[in-house]
Amino acid sequence: EDTRLLIKQNQGLHHLLPPALEVLRLDPMAEGHMYEG
């Protein structure tokens, strides 16, 4: 959820996208507090 929120706010994309993609490789439908995926 923290990562999703920061990405949606265009914060630190160069630093956050690589770990976000690691999460998505394991679970493409990973969810924060909004909805699956």
Full PDB file with SEQRES, HELIX, SHEET, SSBOND, CRYST1, ORIGX, SCALE, CONECT and MASTER records, all heavy atoms in Angstrom:
SEQRES   1 A   37  GLU ASP THR ARG LEU LEU ILE LYS GLN ASN GLN GLY LEU          
SEQRES   2 A   37  HIS HIS LEU LEU PRO PRO ALA LEU GLU VAL LEU ARG LEU          
SEQRES   3 A   37  ASP PRO MET ALA GLU GLY HIS MET TYR GLU GLY                  
HELIX    1 AA1 ASP A    2  LYS A    8  1                                   7    
HELIX    2 AA2 LEU A   13  LEU A   26  1                                  14    
CRYST1    1.000    1.000    1.000  90.00  90.00  90.00 P 1           1          
ORIGX1      1.000000  0.000000  0.000000        0.00000                         
ORIGX2      0.000000  1.000000  0.000000        0.00000                         
ORIGX3      0.000000  0.000000  1.000000        0.00000                         
SCALE1      1.000000  0.000000  0.000000        0.00000                         
SCALE2      0.000000  1.000000  0.000000        0.00000                         
SCALE3      0.000000  0.000000  1.000000        0.00000                         
ATOM      1  N   GLU A   1       0.826  -1.210   0.000  1.00  0.00           N  
ATOM      2  CA  GLU A   1       0.000   0.000   0.000  1.00  0.00           C  
ATOM      3  C   GLU A   1       0.860   1.259   0.000  1.00  0.00           C  
ATOM      4  O   GLU A   1       0.572   2.210  -0.724  1.00  0.00           O  
ATOM      5  CB  GLU A   1      -0.955   0.016   1.196  1.00  0.00           C  
ATOM      6  CG  GLU A   1      -1.767   1.291   1.324  1.00  0.00           C  
ATOM      7  CD  GLU A   1      -2.676   1.601   0.141  1.00  0.00           C  
ATOM      8  OE1 GLU A   1      -2.913   0.729  -0.721  1.00  0.00           O  
ATOM      9  OE2 GLU A   1      -3.161   2.742   0.069  1.00  0.00           O  
ATOM     10  N   ASP A   2       1.921   1.280   0.791  1.00  0.00           N  
ATOM     11  CA  ASP A   2       2.821   2.434   0.816  1.00  0.00           C  
ATOM     12  C   ASP A   2       3.408   2.678  -0.573  1.00  0.00           C  
ATOM     13  O   ASP A   2       3.439   3.815  -1.067  1.00  0.00           O  
ATOM     14  CB  ASP A   2       3.986   2.205   1.793  1.00  0.00           C  
ATOM     15  CG  ASP A   2       3.576   2.056   3.244  1.00  0.00           C  
ATOM     16  OD1 ASP A   2       2.462   2.474   3.626  1.00  0.00           O  
ATOM     17  OD2 ASP A   2       4.392   1.485   4.010  1.00  0.00           O  
ATOM     18  N   THR A   3       3.864   1.604  -1.187  1.00  0.00           N  
ATOM     19  CA  THR A   3       4.476   1.706  -2.514  1.00  0.00           C  
ATOM     20  C   THR A   3       3.454   2.175  -3.535  1.00  0.00           C  
ATOM     21  O   THR A   3       3.731   3.057  -4.351  1.00  0.00           O  
ATOM     22  CB  THR A   3       5.076   0.346  -2.925  1.00  0.00           C  
ATOM     23  OG1 THR A   3       6.009  -0.064  -1.910  1.00  0.00           O  
ATOM     24  CG2 THR A   3       5.768   0.421  -4.265  1.00  0.00           C  
ATOM     25  N   ARG A   4       2.252   1.614  -3.504  1.00  0.00           N  
ATOM     26  CA  ARG A   4       1.193   2.018  -4.423  1.00  0.00           C  
ATOM     27  C   ARG A   4       0.884   3.500  -4.271  1.00  0.00           C  
ATOM     28  O   ARG A   4       0.814   4.233  -5.248  1.00  0.00           O  
ATOM     29  CB  ARG A   4      -0.075   1.194  -4.166  1.00  0.00           C  
ATOM     30  CG  ARG A   4      -1.223   1.516  -5.129  1.00  0.00           C  
ATOM     31  CD  ARG A   4      -2.571   1.079  -4.587  1.00  0.00           C  
ATOM     32  NE  ARG A   4      -2.976   1.828  -3.415  1.00  0.00           N  
ATOM     33  CZ  ARG A   4      -3.497   3.059  -3.437  1.00  0.00           C  
ATOM     34  NH1 ARG A   4      -3.671   3.695  -4.572  1.00  0.00           N  
ATOM     35  NH2 ARG A   4      -3.832   3.660  -2.318  1.00  0.00           N  
ATOM     36  N   LEU A   5       0.748   3.931  -3.022  1.00  0.00           N  
ATOM     37  CA  LEU A   5       0.418   5.332  -2.776  1.00  0.00           C  
ATOM     38  C   LEU A   5       1.516   6.255  -3.298  1.00  0.00           C  
ATOM     39  O   LEU A   5       1.225   7.252  -3.981  1.00  0.00           O  
ATOM     40  CB  LEU A   5       0.192   5.549  -1.285  1.00  0.00           C  
ATOM     41  CG  LEU A   5      -0.337   6.911  -0.908  1.00  0.00           C  
ATOM     42  CD1 LEU A   5      -1.300   6.788   0.262  1.00  0.00           C  
ATOM     43  CD2 LEU A   5       0.777   7.865  -0.562  1.00  0.00           C  
ATOM     44  N   LEU A   6       2.767   5.941  -3.006  1.00  0.00           N  
ATOM     45  CA  LEU A   6       3.862   6.789  -3.475  1.00  0.00           C  
ATOM     46  C   LEU A   6       3.955   6.802  -4.996  1.00  0.00           C  
ATOM     47  O   LEU A   6       4.196   7.858  -5.600  1.00  0.00           O  
ATOM     48  CB  LEU A   6       5.189   6.328  -2.851  1.00  0.00           C  
ATOM     49  CG  LEU A   6       5.366   6.672  -1.381  1.00  0.00           C  
ATOM     50  CD1 LEU A   6       6.534   5.900  -0.783  1.00  0.00           C  
ATOM     51  CD2 LEU A   6       5.562   8.171  -1.193  1.00  0.00           C  
ATOM     52  N   ILE A   7       3.761   5.659  -5.629  1.00  0.00           N  
ATOM     53  CA  ILE A   7       3.795   5.616  -7.094  1.00  0.00           C  
ATOM     54  C   ILE A   7       2.673   6.465  -7.665  1.00  0.00           C  
ATOM     55  O   ILE A   7       2.884   7.238  -8.606  1.00  0.00           O  
ATOM     56  CB  ILE A   7       3.737   4.163  -7.603  1.00  0.00           C  
ATOM     57  CG1 ILE A   7       5.060   3.448  -7.309  1.00  0.00           C  
ATOM     58  CG2 ILE A   7       3.411   4.115  -9.097  1.00  0.00           C  
ATOM     59  CD1 ILE A   7       5.051   1.960  -7.574  1.00  0.00           C  
ATOM     60  N   LYS A   8       1.481   6.358  -7.093  1.00  0.00           N  
ATOM     61  CA  LYS A   8       0.350   7.160  -7.572  1.00  0.00           C  
ATOM     62  C   LYS A   8       0.606   8.655  -7.394  1.00  0.00           C  
ATOM     63  O   LYS A   8       0.038   9.471  -8.107  1.00  0.00           O  
ATOM     64  CB  LYS A   8      -0.945   6.770  -6.857  1.00  0.00           C  
ATOM     65  CG  LYS A   8      -1.472   5.394  -7.202  1.00  0.00           C  
ATOM     66  CD  LYS A   8      -1.967   5.293  -8.609  1.00  0.00           C  
ATOM     67  CE  LYS A   8      -3.378   5.784  -8.741  1.00  0.00           C  
ATOM     68  NZ  LYS A   8      -3.935   5.575 -10.081  1.00  0.00           N  
ATOM     69  N   GLN A   9       1.489   9.007  -6.466  1.00  0.00           N  
ATOM     70  CA  GLN A   9       1.836  10.413  -6.243  1.00  0.00           C  
ATOM     71  C   GLN A   9       3.111  10.814  -7.008  1.00  0.00           C  
ATOM     72  O   GLN A   9       3.647  11.897  -6.797  1.00  0.00           O  
ATOM     73  CB  GLN A   9       2.021  10.676  -4.745  1.00  0.00           C  
ATOM     74  CG  GLN A   9       0.767  10.499  -3.933  1.00  0.00           C  
ATOM     75  CD  GLN A   9      -0.341  11.398  -4.425  1.00  0.00           C  
ATOM     76  OE1 GLN A   9      -0.164  12.610  -4.557  1.00  0.00           O  
ATOM     77  NE2 GLN A   9      -1.491  10.815  -4.720  1.00  0.00           N  
ATOM     78  N   ASN A  10       3.561   9.942  -7.908  1.00  0.00           N  
ATOM     79  CA  ASN A  10       4.770  10.197  -8.714  1.00  0.00           C  
ATOM     80  C   ASN A  10       6.009  10.451  -7.867  1.00  0.00           C  
ATOM     81  O   ASN A  10       6.866  11.252  -8.221  1.00  0.00           O  
ATOM     82  CB  ASN A  10       4.562  11.379  -9.668  1.00  0.00           C  
ATOM     83  CG  ASN A  10       3.670  11.024 -10.812  1.00  0.00           C  
ATOM     84  OD1 ASN A  10       3.704   9.904 -11.305  1.00  0.00           O  
ATOM     85  ND2 ASN A  10       2.854  11.967 -11.242  1.00  0.00           N  
ATOM     86  N   GLN A  11       6.114   9.763  -6.777  1.00  0.00           N  
ATOM     87  CA  GLN A  11       7.261   9.938  -5.880  1.00  0.00           C  
ATOM     88  C   GLN A  11       8.271   8.820  -6.078  1.00  0.00           C  
ATOM     89  O   GLN A  11       7.917   7.648  -6.035  1.00  0.00           O  
ATOM     90  CB  GLN A  11       6.797   9.955  -4.416  1.00  0.00           C  
ATOM     91  CG  GLN A  11       5.909  11.109  -4.079  1.00  0.00           C  
ATOM     92  CD  GLN A  11       6.600  12.421  -4.309  1.00  0.00           C  
ATOM     93  OE1 GLN A  11       7.711  12.641  -3.825  1.00  0.00           O  
ATOM     94  NE2 GLN A  11       5.958  13.301  -5.046  1.00  0.00           N  
ATOM     95  N   GLY A  12       9.515   9.188  -6.301  1.00  0.00           N  
ATOM     96  CA  GLY A  12      10.626   8.239  -6.313  1.00  0.00           C  
ATOM     97  C   GLY A  12      10.474   7.076  -7.268  1.00  0.00           C  
ATOM     98  O   GLY A  12      10.893   5.960  -6.952  1.00  0.00           O  
ATOM     99  N   LEU A  13       9.897   7.317  -8.430  1.00  0.00           N  
ATOM    100  CA  LEU A  13       9.605   6.218  -9.347  1.00  0.00           C  
ATOM    101  C   LEU A  13      10.844   5.398  -9.707  1.00  0.00           C  
ATOM    102  O   LEU A  13      10.774   4.175  -9.770  1.00  0.00           O  
ATOM    103  CB  LEU A  13       8.921   6.741 -10.601  1.00  0.00           C  
ATOM    104  CG  LEU A  13       7.546   7.372 -10.380  1.00  0.00           C  
ATOM    105  CD1 LEU A  13       6.976   7.881 -11.695  1.00  0.00           C  
ATOM    106  CD2 LEU A  13       6.591   6.415  -9.708  1.00  0.00           C  
ATOM    107  N   HIS A  14      11.963   6.049  -9.923  1.00  0.00           N  
ATOM    108  CA  HIS A  14      13.182   5.302 -10.281  1.00  0.00           C  
ATOM    109  C   HIS A  14      13.609   4.360  -9.159  1.00  0.00           C  
ATOM    110  O   HIS A  14      14.226   3.329  -9.416  1.00  0.00           O  
ATOM    111  CB  HIS A  14      14.332   6.248 -10.621  1.00  0.00           C  
ATOM    112  CG  HIS A  14      14.160   6.912 -11.942  1.00  0.00           C  
ATOM    113  ND1 HIS A  14      14.315   6.255 -13.129  1.00  0.00           N  
ATOM    114  CD2 HIS A  14      13.808   8.180 -12.258  1.00  0.00           C  
ATOM    115  CE1 HIS A  14      14.087   7.084 -14.124  1.00  0.00           C  
ATOM    116  NE2 HIS A  14      13.774   8.258 -13.623  1.00  0.00           N  
ATOM    117  N   HIS A  15      13.266   4.708  -7.931  1.00  0.00           N  
ATOM    118  CA  HIS A  15      13.640   3.885  -6.786  1.00  0.00           C  
ATOM    119  C   HIS A  15      12.554   2.880  -6.419  1.00  0.00           C  
ATOM    120  O   HIS A  15      12.855   1.817  -5.885  1.00  0.00           O  
ATOM    121  CB  HIS A  15      13.940   4.765  -5.569  1.00  0.00           C  
ATOM    122  CG  HIS A  15      15.019   5.760  -5.820  1.00  0.00           C  
ATOM    123  ND1 HIS A  15      16.340   5.412  -5.968  1.00  0.00           N  
ATOM    124  CD2 HIS A  15      14.965   7.099  -5.981  1.00  0.00           C  
ATOM    125  CE1 HIS A  15      17.061   6.494  -6.199  1.00  0.00           C  
ATOM    126  NE2 HIS A  15      16.251   7.525  -6.211  1.00  0.00           N  
ATOM    127  N   LEU A  16      11.296   3.212  -6.688  1.00  0.00           N  
ATOM    128  CA  LEU A  16      10.185   2.358  -6.256  1.00  0.00           C  
ATOM    129  C   LEU A  16       9.729   1.344  -7.288  1.00  0.00           C  
ATOM    130  O   LEU A  16       9.194   0.292  -6.925  1.00  0.00           O  
ATOM    131  CB  LEU A  16       8.985   3.227  -5.851  1.00  0.00           C  
ATOM    132  CG  LEU A  16       9.209   4.103  -4.621  1.00  0.00           C  
ATOM    133  CD1 LEU A  16       7.991   4.981  -4.379  1.00  0.00           C  
ATOM    134  CD2 LEU A  16       9.511   3.255  -3.408  1.00  0.00           C  
ATOM    135  N   LEU A  17       9.902   1.651  -8.565  1.00  0.00           N  
ATOM    136  CA  LEU A  17       9.424   0.702  -9.577  1.00  0.00           C  
ATOM    137  C   LEU A  17      10.157  -0.638  -9.541  1.00  0.00           C  
ATOM    138  O   LEU A  17       9.501  -1.681  -9.640  1.00  0.00           O  
ATOM    139  CB  LEU A  17       9.464   1.319 -10.969  1.00  0.00           C  
ATOM    140  CG  LEU A  17       8.388   2.377 -11.221  1.00  0.00           C  
ATOM    141  CD1 LEU A  17       8.520   2.960 -12.622  1.00  0.00           C  
ATOM    142  CD2 LEU A  17       6.993   1.830 -11.007  1.00  0.00           C  
ATOM    143  N   PRO A  18      11.471  -0.672  -9.384  1.00  0.00           N  
ATOM    144  CA  PRO A  18      12.118  -1.994  -9.321  1.00  0.00           C  
ATOM    145  C   PRO A  18      11.585  -2.882  -8.186  1.00  0.00           C  
ATOM    146  O   PRO A  18      11.213  -4.035  -8.441  1.00  0.00           O  
ATOM    147  CB  PRO A  18      13.609  -1.664  -9.169  1.00  0.00           C  
ATOM    148  CG  PRO A  18      13.746  -0.347  -9.872  1.00  0.00           C  
ATOM    149  CD  PRO A  18      12.482   0.396  -9.489  1.00  0.00           C  
ATOM    150  N   PRO A  19      11.463  -2.385  -6.932  1.00  0.00           N  
ATOM    151  CA  PRO A  19      10.891  -3.277  -5.910  1.00  0.00           C  
ATOM    152  C   PRO A  19       9.409  -3.576  -6.149  1.00  0.00           C  
ATOM    153  O   PRO A  19       8.941  -4.672  -5.821  1.00  0.00           O  
ATOM    154  CB  PRO A  19      11.110  -2.536  -4.593  1.00  0.00           C  
ATOM    155  CG  PRO A  19      11.586  -1.184  -4.928  1.00  0.00           C  
ATOM    156  CD  PRO A  19      12.005  -1.164  -6.338  1.00  0.00           C  
ATOM    157  N   ALA A  20       8.681  -2.634  -6.736  1.00  0.00           N  
ATOM    158  CA  ALA A  20       7.265  -2.902  -7.046  1.00  0.00           C  
ATOM    159  C   ALA A  20       7.165  -4.039  -8.056  1.00  0.00           C  
ATOM    160  O   ALA A  20       6.312  -4.924  -7.921  1.00  0.00           O  
ATOM    161  CB  ALA A  20       6.582  -1.649  -7.588  1.00  0.00           C  
ATOM    162  N   LEU A  21       8.038  -4.040  -9.047  1.00  0.00           N  
ATOM    163  CA  LEU A  21       8.016  -5.108 -10.048  1.00  0.00           C  
ATOM    164  C   LEU A  21       8.426  -6.451  -9.429  1.00  0.00           C  
ATOM    165  O   LEU A  21       7.925  -7.492  -9.842  1.00  0.00           O  
ATOM    166  CB  LEU A  21       8.897  -4.751 -11.245  1.00  0.00           C  
ATOM    167  CG  LEU A  21       8.353  -3.616 -12.107  1.00  0.00           C  
ATOM    168  CD1 LEU A  21       9.355  -3.230 -13.186  1.00  0.00           C  
ATOM    169  CD2 LEU A  21       7.017  -3.970 -12.717  1.00  0.00           C  
ATOM    170  N   GLU A  22       9.301  -6.431  -8.431  1.00  0.00           N  
ATOM    171  CA  GLU A  22       9.648  -7.677  -7.733  1.00  0.00           C  
ATOM    172  C   GLU A  22       8.415  -8.267  -7.061  1.00  0.00           C  
ATOM    173  O   GLU A  22       8.188  -9.475  -7.125  1.00  0.00           O  
ATOM    174  CB  GLU A  22      10.735  -7.415  -6.682  1.00  0.00           C  
ATOM    175  CG  GLU A  22      12.101  -7.147  -7.257  1.00  0.00           C  
ATOM    176  CD  GLU A  22      13.111  -6.763  -6.188  1.00  0.00           C  
ATOM    177  OE1 GLU A  22      12.853  -7.001  -4.985  1.00  0.00           O  
ATOM    178  OE2 GLU A  22      14.162  -6.219  -6.567  1.00  0.00           O  
ATOM    179  N   VAL A  23       7.626  -7.406  -6.428  1.00  0.00           N  
ATOM    180  CA  VAL A  23       6.391  -7.862  -5.788  1.00  0.00           C  
ATOM    181  C   VAL A  23       5.445  -8.419  -6.845  1.00  0.00           C  
ATOM    182  O   VAL A  23       4.860  -9.492  -6.676  1.00  0.00           O  
ATOM    183  CB  VAL A  23       5.709  -6.700  -5.015  1.00  0.00           C  
ATOM    184  CG1 VAL A  23       4.301  -7.076  -4.577  1.00  0.00           C  
ATOM    185  CG2 VAL A  23       6.553  -6.287  -3.822  1.00  0.00           C  
ATOM    186  N   LEU A  24       5.302  -7.707  -7.957  1.00  0.00           N  
ATOM    187  CA  LEU A  24       4.373  -8.125  -9.007  1.00  0.00           C  
ATOM    188  C   LEU A  24       4.804  -9.416  -9.693  1.00  0.00           C  
ATOM    189  O   LEU A  24       3.956 -10.181 -10.144  1.00  0.00           O  
ATOM    190  CB  LEU A  24       4.190  -7.004 -10.030  1.00  0.00           C  
ATOM    191  CG  LEU A  24       3.475  -5.767  -9.488  1.00  0.00           C  
ATOM    192  CD1 LEU A  24       3.533  -4.630 -10.500  1.00  0.00           C  
ATOM    193  CD2 LEU A  24       2.044  -6.093  -9.101  1.00  0.00           C  
ATOM    194  N   ARG A  25       6.107  -9.677  -9.772  1.00  0.00           N  
ATOM    195  CA  ARG A  25       6.566 -10.950 -10.338  1.00  0.00           C  
ATOM    196  C   ARG A  25       6.067 -12.120  -9.498  1.00  0.00           C  
ATOM    197  O   ARG A  25       5.702 -13.163 -10.024  1.00  0.00           O  
ATOM    198  CB  ARG A  25       8.093 -10.987 -10.402  1.00  0.00           C  
ATOM    199  CG  ARG A  25       8.653 -10.417 -11.674  1.00  0.00           C  
ATOM    200  CD  ARG A  25      10.167 -10.635 -11.765  1.00  0.00           C  
ATOM    201  NE  ARG A  25      10.748  -9.439 -12.326  1.00  0.00           N  
ATOM    202  CZ  ARG A  25      11.392  -8.501 -11.643  1.00  0.00           C  
ATOM    203  NH1 ARG A  25      11.594  -8.620 -10.351  1.00  0.00           N  
ATOM    204  NH2 ARG A  25      11.855  -7.441 -12.239  1.00  0.00           N  
ATOM    205  N   LEU A  26       6.063 -11.931  -8.189  1.00  0.00           N  
ATOM    206  CA  LEU A  26       5.592 -12.986  -7.287  1.00  0.00           C  
ATOM    207  C   LEU A  26       4.067 -13.060  -7.240  1.00  0.00           C  
ATOM    208  O   LEU A  26       3.505 -14.143  -7.107  1.00  0.00           O  
ATOM    209  CB  LEU A  26       6.132 -12.751  -5.868  1.00  0.00           C  
ATOM    210  CG  LEU A  26       7.645 -12.806  -5.723  1.00  0.00           C  
ATOM    211  CD1 LEU A  26       8.059 -12.386  -4.316  1.00  0.00           C  
ATOM    212  CD2 LEU A  26       8.164 -14.192  -6.045  1.00  0.00           C  
ATOM    213  N   ASP A  27       3.423 -11.901  -7.327  1.00  0.00           N  
ATOM    214  CA  ASP A  27       1.963 -11.844  -7.243  1.00  0.00           C  
ATOM    215  C   ASP A  27       1.453 -10.662  -8.055  1.00  0.00           C  
ATOM    216  O   ASP A  27       1.347  -9.545  -7.530  1.00  0.00           O  
ATOM    217  CB  ASP A  27       1.518 -11.715  -5.783  1.00  0.00           C  
ATOM    218  CG  ASP A  27       0.011 -11.649  -5.633  1.00  0.00           C  
ATOM    219  OD1 ASP A  27      -0.725 -11.859  -6.622  1.00  0.00           O  
ATOM    220  OD2 ASP A  27      -0.443 -11.379  -4.507  1.00  0.00           O  
ATOM    221  N   PRO A  28       1.143 -10.889  -9.340  1.00  0.00           N  
ATOM    222  CA  PRO A  28       0.672  -9.786 -10.181  1.00  0.00           C  
ATOM    223  C   PRO A  28      -0.584  -9.100  -9.649  1.00  0.00           C  
ATOM    224  O   PRO A  28      -0.833  -7.944  -9.965  1.00  0.00           O  
ATOM    225  CB  PRO A  28       0.385 -10.452 -11.527  1.00  0.00           C  
ATOM    226  CG  PRO A  28       1.159 -11.706 -11.521  1.00  0.00           C  
ATOM    227  CD  PRO A  28       1.245 -12.133 -10.084  1.00  0.00           C  
ATOM    228  N   MET A  29      -1.340  -9.792  -8.822  1.00  0.00           N  
ATOM    229  CA  MET A  29      -2.569  -9.209  -8.296  1.00  0.00           C  
ATOM    230  C   MET A  29      -2.379  -8.680  -6.870  1.00  0.00           C  
ATOM    231  O   MET A  29      -3.349  -8.483  -6.132  1.00  0.00           O  
ATOM    232  CB  MET A  29      -3.697 -10.245  -8.341  1.00  0.00           C  
ATOM    233  CG  MET A  29      -4.022 -10.721  -9.750  1.00  0.00           C  
ATOM    234  SD  MET A  29      -4.405  -9.383 -10.893  1.00  0.00           S  
ATOM    235  CE  MET A  29      -6.000  -8.901 -10.260  1.00  0.00           C  
ATOM    236  N   ALA A  30      -1.121  -8.403  -6.490  1.00  0.00           N  
ATOM    237  CA  ALA A  30      -0.842  -7.861  -5.160  1.00  0.00           C  
ATOM    238  C   ALA A  30      -1.691  -6.623  -4.933  1.00  0.00           C  
ATOM    239  O   ALA A  30      -1.901  -5.822  -5.842  1.00  0.00           O  
ATOM    240  CB  ALA A  30       0.639  -7.515  -5.034  1.00  0.00           C  
ATOM    241  N   GLU A  31      -2.187  -6.510  -3.706  1.00  0.00           N  
ATOM    242  CA  GLU A  31      -3.067  -5.375  -3.432  1.00  0.00           C  
ATOM    243  C   GLU A  31      -2.656  -4.633  -2.177  1.00  0.00           C  
ATOM    244  O   GLU A  31      -2.141  -5.207  -1.234  1.00  0.00           O  
ATOM    245  CB  GLU A  31      -4.517  -5.817  -3.322  1.00  0.00           C  
ATOM    246  CG  GLU A  31      -4.830  -6.704  -2.140  1.00  0.00           C  
ATOM    247  CD  GLU A  31      -6.285  -7.137  -2.110  1.00  0.00           C  
ATOM    248  OE1 GLU A  31      -7.140  -6.309  -1.804  1.00  0.00           O  
ATOM    249  OE2 GLU A  31      -6.531  -8.314  -2.408  1.00  0.00           O  
ATOM    250  N   GLY A  32      -2.911  -3.337  -2.253  1.00  0.00           N  
ATOM    251  CA  GLY A  32      -2.758  -2.491  -1.079  1.00  0.00           C  
ATOM    252  C   GLY A  32      -4.100  -2.438  -0.383  1.00  0.00           C  
ATOM    253  O   GLY A  32      -4.678  -3.462  -0.068  1.00  0.00           O  
ATOM    254  N   HIS A  33      -4.626  -1.235  -0.206  1.00  0.00           N  
ATOM    255  CA  HIS A  33      -5.898  -1.084   0.492  1.00  0.00           C  
ATOM    256  C   HIS A  33      -7.062  -0.773  -0.439  1.00  0.00           C  
ATOM    257  O   HIS A  33      -8.156  -0.499   0.039  1.00  0.00           O  
ATOM    258  CB  HIS A  33      -5.805   0.024   1.541  1.00  0.00           C  
ATOM    259  CG  HIS A  33      -4.851  -0.291   2.642  1.00  0.00           C  
ATOM    260  ND1 HIS A  33      -4.332   0.666   3.462  1.00  0.00           N  
ATOM    261  CD2 HIS A  33      -4.321  -1.460   3.067  1.00  0.00           C  
ATOM    262  CE1 HIS A  33      -3.519   0.116   4.331  1.00  0.00           C  
ATOM    263  NE2 HIS A  33      -3.488  -1.177   4.108  1.00  0.00           N  
ATOM    264  N   MET A  34      -6.850  -0.807  -1.725  1.00  0.00           N  
ATOM    265  CA  MET A  34      -7.913  -0.426  -2.648  1.00  0.00           C  
ATOM    266  C   MET A  34      -8.649  -1.647  -3.211  1.00  0.00           C  
ATOM    267  O   MET A  34      -9.816  -1.823  -2.965  1.00  0.00           O  
ATOM    268  CB  MET A  34      -7.351   0.426  -3.789  1.00  0.00           C  
ATOM    269  CG  MET A  34      -6.673   1.704  -3.329  1.00  0.00           C  
ATOM    270  SD  MET A  34      -7.791   2.857  -2.550  1.00  0.00           S  
ATOM    271  CE  MET A  34      -8.690   3.413  -3.950  1.00  0.00           C  
ATOM    272  N   TYR A  35      -7.960  -2.465  -3.981  1.00  0.00           N  
ATOM    273  CA  TYR A  35      -8.572  -3.628  -4.606  1.00  0.00           C  
ATOM    274  C   TYR A  35      -7.476  -4.551  -5.106  1.00  0.00           C  
ATOM    275  O   TYR A  35      -6.316  -4.156  -5.224  1.00  0.00           O  
ATOM    276  CB  TYR A  35      -9.501  -3.223  -5.759  1.00  0.00           C  
ATOM    277  CG  TYR A  35      -8.829  -2.359  -6.810  1.00  0.00           C  
ATOM    278  CD1 TYR A  35      -8.158  -2.923  -7.888  1.00  0.00           C  
ATOM    279  CD2 TYR A  35      -8.869  -0.970  -6.711  1.00  0.00           C  
ATOM    280  CE1 TYR A  35      -7.534  -2.135  -8.840  1.00  0.00           C  
ATOM    281  CE2 TYR A  35      -8.251  -0.179  -7.663  1.00  0.00           C  
ATOM    282  CZ  TYR A  35      -7.593  -0.761  -8.721  1.00  0.00           C  
ATOM    283  OH  TYR A  35      -6.971   0.019  -9.669  1.00  0.00           O  
ATOM    284  N   GLU A  36      -7.851  -5.787  -5.375  1.00  0.00           N  
ATOM    285  CA  GLU A  36      -6.891  -6.760  -5.894  1.00  0.00           C  
ATOM    286  C   GLU A  36      -6.296  -6.227  -7.191  1.00  0.00           C  
ATOM    287  O   GLU A  36      -7.025  -5.824  -8.091  1.00  0.00           O  
ATOM    288  CB  GLU A  36      -7.595  -8.093  -6.138  1.00  0.00           C  
ATOM    289  CG  GLU A  36      -6.657  -9.197  -6.525  1.00  0.00           C  
ATOM    290  CD  GLU A  36      -7.360 -10.531  -6.729  1.00  0.00           C  
ATOM    291  OE1 GLU A  36      -8.544 -10.542  -7.118  1.00  0.00           O  
ATOM    292  OE2 GLU A  36      -6.706 -11.552  -6.507  1.00  0.00           O  
ATOM    293  N   GLY A  37      -4.980  -6.202  -7.267  1.00  0.00           N  
ATOM    294  CA  GLY A  37      -4.302  -5.724  -8.468  1.00  0.00           C  
ATOM    295  C   GLY A  37      -4.053  -4.222  -8.480  1.00  0.00           C  
ATOM    296  O   GLY A  37      -3.602  -3.681  -9.482  1.00  0.00           O  
TER     297      GLY A  37                                                      
MASTER        0    0    0    2    0    0    0    6  296    1    0    3          
END                                                                             
